[in-house]
Amino acid sequence: MADPAYKKIEIVGTSPNSFDEATANGVAKAAESVHGMSWFEVVELRGSIVDGKVHQYQVTLKIGFKVD
């Protein structure tokens, strides 16, 4: 197909250690069921706090992939 079409999904990756790891975890988890992923966009960074300390890093991602 000369002009492919793409779809985007939105997921949230998490990590107890960093935003970078949360991003990698989200992409890796999506790769288990989404094939042909081409790119990701970081939409939002946030986290949770427990007892005054960072408990979890959360990254909202949009992942693009080619539609067959």
C-alpha atoms as a PDB file:
ATOM      1  CA  MET A   1       0.000   0.000   0.000  1.00  0.00           C
ATOM      2  CA  ALA A   2       1.502   3.310  -1.056  1.00  0.00           C
ATOM      3  CA  ASP A   3      -0.275   5.473   1.520  1.00  0.00           C
ATOM      4  CA  PRO A   4      -0.580   3.567   4.803  1.00  0.00           C
ATOM      5  CA  ALA A   5      -3.007   4.507   7.563  1.00  0.00           C
ATOM      6  CA  TYR A   6      -2.083   4.653  11.239  1.00  0.00           C
ATOM      7  CA  LYS A   7      -3.943   4.347  14.517  1.00  0.00           C
ATOM      8  CA  LYS A   8      -3.046   5.749  17.954  1.00  0.00           C
ATOM      9  CA  ILE A   9      -3.867   4.226  21.310  1.00  0.00           C
ATOM     10  CA  GLU A  10      -3.369   5.760  24.741  1.00  0.00           C
ATOM     11  CA  ILE A  11      -1.836   3.870  27.658  1.00  0.00           C
ATOM     12  CA  VAL A  12      -0.269   4.683  31.021  1.00  0.00           C
ATOM     13  CA  GLY A  13       3.102   3.144  31.854  1.00  0.00           C
ATOM     14  CA  THR A  14       4.203   2.969  35.486  1.00  0.00           C
ATOM     15  CA  SER A  15       7.399   2.492  37.465  1.00  0.00           C
ATOM     16  CA  PRO A  16       8.545   2.849  41.068  1.00  0.00           C
ATOM     17  CA  ASN A  17      11.895   4.261  39.834  1.00  0.00           C
ATOM     18  CA  SER A  18      11.608   6.896  37.067  1.00  0.00           C
ATOM     19  CA  PHE A  19       9.627   8.455  34.239  1.00  0.00           C
ATOM     20  CA  ASP A  20      12.055   6.899  31.754  1.00  0.00           C
ATOM     21  CA  GLU A  21      11.412   3.439  33.136  1.00  0.00           C
ATOM     22  CA  ALA A  22       7.650   4.062  33.189  1.00  0.00           C
ATOM     23  CA  THR A  23       7.835   4.979  29.486  1.00  0.00           C
ATOM     24  CA  ALA A  24       9.845   1.857  28.641  1.00  0.00           C
ATOM     25  CA  ASN A  25       7.488  -0.327  30.696  1.00  0.00           C
ATOM     26  CA  GLY A  26       4.447   1.081  28.913  1.00  0.00           C
ATOM     27  CA  VAL A  27       5.915   0.516  25.451  1.00  0.00           C
ATOM     28  CA  ALA A  28       7.065  -3.011  26.373  1.00  0.00           C
ATOM     29  CA  LYS A  29       3.640  -3.939  27.743  1.00  0.00           C
ATOM     30  CA  ALA A  30       1.859  -2.563  24.663  1.00  0.00           C
ATOM     31  CA  ALA A  31       4.228  -4.557  22.427  1.00  0.00           C
ATOM     32  CA  GLU A  32       2.826  -7.771  23.933  1.00  0.00           C
ATOM     33  CA  SER A  33      -0.464  -7.245  22.088  1.00  0.00           C
ATOM     34  CA  VAL A  34       0.034  -4.397  19.581  1.00  0.00           C
ATOM     35  CA  HIS A  35       2.106  -5.169  16.509  1.00  0.00           C
ATOM     36  CA  GLY A  36       3.799  -2.783  14.109  1.00  0.00           C
ATOM     37  CA  MET A  37       4.252   0.061  16.582  1.00  0.00           C
ATOM     38  CA  SER A  38       6.041   3.009  14.968  1.00  0.00           C
ATOM     39  CA  TRP A  39       6.230   5.848  17.505  1.00  0.00           C
ATOM     40  CA  PHE A  40       5.117   7.146  20.870  1.00  0.00           C
ATOM     41  CA  GLU A  41       4.210  10.566  22.238  1.00  0.00           C
ATOM     42  CA  VAL A  42       4.485  11.502  25.900  1.00  0.00           C
ATOM     43  CA  VAL A  43       1.204  13.201  26.730  1.00  0.00           C
ATOM     44  CA  GLU A  44       1.448  13.599  30.501  1.00  0.00           C
ATOM     45  CA  LEU A  45       3.843  12.991  33.377  1.00  0.00           C
ATOM     46  CA  ARG A  46       2.451  12.456  36.856  1.00  0.00           C
ATOM     47  CA  GLY A  47       2.941  10.262  39.889  1.00  0.00           C
ATOM     48  CA  SER A  48       1.576   9.173  43.186  1.00  0.00           C
ATOM     49  CA  ILE A  49       2.770  10.197  46.644  1.00  0.00           C
ATOM     50  CA  VAL A  50       2.686   8.008  49.750  1.00  0.00           C
ATOM     51  CA  ASP A  51       3.818   9.285  53.153  1.00  0.00           C
ATOM     52  CA  GLY A  52       5.334  12.407  51.612  1.00  0.00           C
ATOM     53  CA  LYS A  53       7.508  10.484  49.125  1.00  0.00           C
ATOM     54  CA  VAL A  54       7.219   9.623  45.453  1.00  0.00           C
ATOM     55  CA  HIS A  55       5.595   6.202  45.314  1.00  0.00           C
ATOM     56  CA  GLN A  56       5.068   5.691  41.579  1.00  0.00           C
ATOM     57  CA  TYR A  57       5.929   7.464  38.330  1.00  0.00           C
ATOM     58  CA  GLN A  58       3.192   7.456  35.686  1.00  0.00           C
ATOM     59  CA  VAL A  59       3.547   8.389  32.009  1.00  0.00           C
ATOM     60  CA  THR A  60       0.581   8.722  29.662  1.00  0.00           C
ATOM     61  CA  LEU A  61       1.656   7.667  26.164  1.00  0.00           C
ATOM     62  CA  LYS A  62       0.034   7.714  22.765  1.00  0.00           C
ATOM     63  CA  ILE A  63       1.435   4.885  20.647  1.00  0.00           C
ATOM     64  CA  GLY A  64       1.086   4.898  16.875  1.00  0.00           C
ATOM     65  CA  PHE A  65       1.014   1.821  14.686  1.00  0.00           C
ATOM     66  CA  LYS A  66       0.253   1.005  11.065  1.00  0.00           C
ATOM     67  CA  VAL A  67      -3.186  -0.412  10.307  1.00  0.00           C
ATOM     68  CA  ASP A  68      -2.990  -3.599   8.226  1.00  0.00           C
END
